Amino acid sequence: FFPSLKVGLVIFMTIGAFCFFRPANLTPFAPRGPTGVMHGATSCFFAYLGYDEVCVVSGEALNPQRDMPLSVLLTLLIVTILYMLATFALTGMQSY
């Protein structure tokens, strides 16, 4: 229940941020350079949604050798795309 709620909140926040998006706010896109990008990436790594749920439900997989790697990779891919969209929307919403 909670991972679905978290994903729903991220999607809601992203849609709300795109409503107030201004392209002019993207002009200094990475003002602190690659160091700032890496610092932000490491600080939000442990906030990934759903990864813990995949590991908990893995005991019920019918074919765990095939299903586990696939489900972990798909979870990371979906959550990465969600986070990239949310970050882009929030960056365009707030001026630097």
C-alpha atoms as a PDB file:
ATOM      1  CA  PHE A   1       0.000   0.000   0.000  1.00  0.00           C
ATOM      2  CA  PHE A   2       2.670   2.532   0.989  1.00  0.00           C
ATOM      3  CA  PRO A   3       4.857   2.181  -2.141  1.00  0.00           C
ATOM      4  CA  SER A   4       1.771   2.821  -4.287  1.00  0.00           C
ATOM      5  CA  LEU A   5       0.931   5.852  -2.170  1.00  0.00           C
ATOM      6  CA  LYS A   6       4.503   7.158  -2.531  1.00  0.00           C
ATOM      7  CA  VAL A   7       4.444   6.730  -6.305  1.00  0.00           C
ATOM      8  CA  GLY A   8       1.059   8.451  -6.444  1.00  0.00           C
ATOM      9  CA  LEU A   9       2.406  11.398  -4.445  1.00  0.00           C
ATOM     10  CA  VAL A  10       5.445  11.734  -6.728  1.00  0.00           C
ATOM     11  CA  ILE A  11       3.184  11.702  -9.804  1.00  0.00           C
ATOM     12  CA  PHE A  12       0.837  14.255  -8.197  1.00  0.00           C
ATOM     13  CA  MET A  13       3.782  16.507  -7.297  1.00  0.00           C
ATOM     14  CA  THR A  14       5.197  16.206 -10.825  1.00  0.00           C
ATOM     15  CA  ILE A  15       1.895  17.131 -12.470  1.00  0.00           C
ATOM     16  CA  GLY A  16       1.487  20.065 -10.089  1.00  0.00           C
ATOM     17  CA  ALA A  17       5.031  21.262 -10.797  1.00  0.00           C
ATOM     18  CA  PHE A  18       4.466  21.079 -14.573  1.00  0.00           C
ATOM     19  CA  CYS A  19       1.424  23.340 -14.108  1.00  0.00           C
ATOM     20  CA  PHE A  20       3.746  26.089 -12.802  1.00  0.00           C
ATOM     21  CA  PHE A  21       6.663  25.266 -15.142  1.00  0.00           C
ATOM     22  CA  ARG A  22       8.558  28.206 -16.680  1.00  0.00           C
ATOM     23  CA  PRO A  23      11.247  27.473 -19.287  1.00  0.00           C
ATOM     24  CA  ALA A  24      13.131  30.637 -18.262  1.00  0.00           C
ATOM     25  CA  ASN A  25      13.950  28.992 -14.919  1.00  0.00           C
ATOM     26  CA  LEU A  26      16.180  26.442 -16.668  1.00  0.00           C
ATOM     27  CA  THR A  27      18.830  28.920 -17.819  1.00  0.00           C
ATOM     28  CA  PRO A  28      21.563  28.039 -15.301  1.00  0.00           C
ATOM     29  CA  PHE A  29      20.671  24.344 -15.588  1.00  0.00           C
ATOM     30  CA  ALA A  30      23.500  22.990 -13.442  1.00  0.00           C
ATOM     31  CA  PRO A  31      24.951  26.036 -11.682  1.00  0.00           C
ATOM     32  CA  ARG A  32      27.203  23.943  -9.421  1.00  0.00           C
ATOM     33  CA  GLY A  33      28.364  21.682 -12.239  1.00  0.00           C
ATOM     34  CA  PRO A  34      28.808  17.905 -12.117  1.00  0.00           C
ATOM     35  CA  THR A  35      29.777  18.041  -8.441  1.00  0.00           C
ATOM     36  CA  GLY A  36      26.390  19.474  -7.509  1.00  0.00           C
ATOM     37  CA  VAL A  37      24.592  16.912  -9.654  1.00  0.00           C
ATOM     38  CA  MET A  38      26.454  14.023  -8.004  1.00  0.00           C
ATOM     39  CA  HIS A  39      25.829  15.448  -4.531  1.00  0.00           C
ATOM     40  CA  GLY A  40      22.083  15.626  -5.220  1.00  0.00           C
ATOM     41  CA  ALA A  41      22.054  12.130  -6.722  1.00  0.00           C
ATOM     42  CA  THR A  42      23.757  10.569  -3.724  1.00  0.00           C
ATOM     43  CA  SER A  43      21.475  12.307  -1.253  1.00  0.00           C
ATOM     44  CA  CYS A  44      18.278  11.002  -2.901  1.00  0.00           C
ATOM     45  CA  PHE A  45      19.494   7.485  -3.776  1.00  0.00           C
ATOM     46  CA  PHE A  46      17.963   5.885  -0.690  1.00  0.00           C
ATOM     47  CA  ALA A  47      14.592   7.493  -1.341  1.00  0.00           C
ATOM     48  CA  TYR A  48      13.884   5.193  -4.287  1.00  0.00           C
ATOM     49  CA  LEU A  49      10.317   3.928  -4.158  1.00  0.00           C
ATOM     50  CA  GLY A  50       9.226   0.346  -4.409  1.00  0.00           C
ATOM     51  CA  TYR A  51      12.650  -1.271  -4.273  1.00  0.00           C
ATOM     52  CA  ASP A  52      12.025  -2.588  -0.767  1.00  0.00           C
ATOM     53  CA  GLU A  53       8.627  -3.933  -1.804  1.00  0.00           C
ATOM     54  CA  VAL A  54      10.164  -5.973  -4.631  1.00  0.00           C
ATOM     55  CA  CYS A  55      12.632  -7.548  -2.220  1.00  0.00           C
ATOM     56  CA  VAL A  56       9.905  -8.385   0.303  1.00  0.00           C
ATOM     57  CA  VAL A  57       7.570 -10.025  -2.221  1.00  0.00           C
ATOM     58  CA  SER A  58      10.378 -12.037  -3.844  1.00  0.00           C
ATOM     59  CA  GLY A  59       9.572 -15.091  -1.731  1.00  0.00           C
ATOM     60  CA  GLU A  60       6.348 -15.593  -3.659  1.00  0.00           C
ATOM     61  CA  ALA A  61       7.885 -15.605  -7.139  1.00  0.00           C
ATOM     62  CA  LEU A  62       7.185 -18.686  -9.253  1.00  0.00           C
ATOM     63  CA  ASN A  63      10.473 -18.496 -11.139  1.00  0.00           C
ATOM     64  CA  PRO A  64      12.764 -16.421  -8.891  1.00  0.00           C
ATOM     65  CA  GLN A  65      15.905 -16.797 -11.030  1.00  0.00           C
ATOM     66  CA  ARG A  66      14.163 -15.056 -13.918  1.00  0.00           C
ATOM     67  CA  ASP A  67      11.638 -12.869 -12.106  1.00  0.00           C
ATOM     68  CA  MET A  68      13.811 -11.258  -9.414  1.00  0.00           C
ATOM     69  CA  PRO A  69      16.447  -9.597 -11.640  1.00  0.00           C
ATOM     70  CA  LEU A  70      13.739  -8.501 -14.068  1.00  0.00           C
ATOM     71  CA  SER A  71      11.554  -7.005 -11.346  1.00  0.00           C
ATOM     72  CA  VAL A  72      14.466  -5.210  -9.662  1.00  0.00           C
ATOM     73  CA  LEU A  73      15.653  -3.712 -12.955  1.00  0.00           C
ATOM     74  CA  LEU A  74      12.148  -2.663 -13.999  1.00  0.00           C
ATOM     75  CA  THR A  75      11.515  -1.102 -10.593  1.00  0.00           C
ATOM     76  CA  LEU A  76      14.746   0.887 -10.787  1.00  0.00           C
ATOM     77  CA  LEU A  77      13.977   1.965 -14.368  1.00  0.00           C
ATOM     78  CA  ILE A  78      10.444   3.150 -13.581  1.00  0.00           C
ATOM     79  CA  VAL A  79      11.469   4.963 -10.415  1.00  0.00           C
ATOM     80  CA  THR A  80      14.445   6.593 -12.155  1.00  0.00           C
ATOM     81  CA  ILE A  81      12.167   7.934 -14.894  1.00  0.00           C
ATOM     82  CA  LEU A  82       9.703   9.221 -12.281  1.00  0.00           C
ATOM     83  CA  TYR A  83      12.474  10.963 -10.361  1.00  0.00           C
ATOM     84  CA  MET A  84      13.932  12.514 -13.519  1.00  0.00           C
ATOM     85  CA  LEU A  85      10.524  13.904 -14.512  1.00  0.00           C
ATOM     86  CA  ALA A  86       9.892  15.217 -11.000  1.00  0.00           C
ATOM     87  CA  THR A  87      13.326  16.846 -10.803  1.00  0.00           C
ATOM     88  CA  PHE A  88      12.910  18.474 -14.218  1.00  0.00           C
ATOM     89  CA  ALA A  89       9.439  19.775 -13.309  1.00  0.00           C
ATOM     90  CA  LEU A  90      10.540  21.149  -9.938  1.00  0.00           C
ATOM     91  CA  THR A  91      13.630  22.743 -11.486  1.00  0.00           C
ATOM     92  CA  GLY A  92      11.447  24.502 -14.059  1.00  0.00           C
ATOM     93  CA  MET A  93       8.995  25.604 -11.402  1.00  0.00           C
ATOM     94  CA  GLN A  94      11.467  27.327  -9.063  1.00  0.00           C
ATOM     95  CA  SER A  95      13.918  29.982 -10.199  1.00  0.00           C
ATOM     96  CA  TYR A  96      17.562  29.657  -9.157  1.00  0.00           C
END
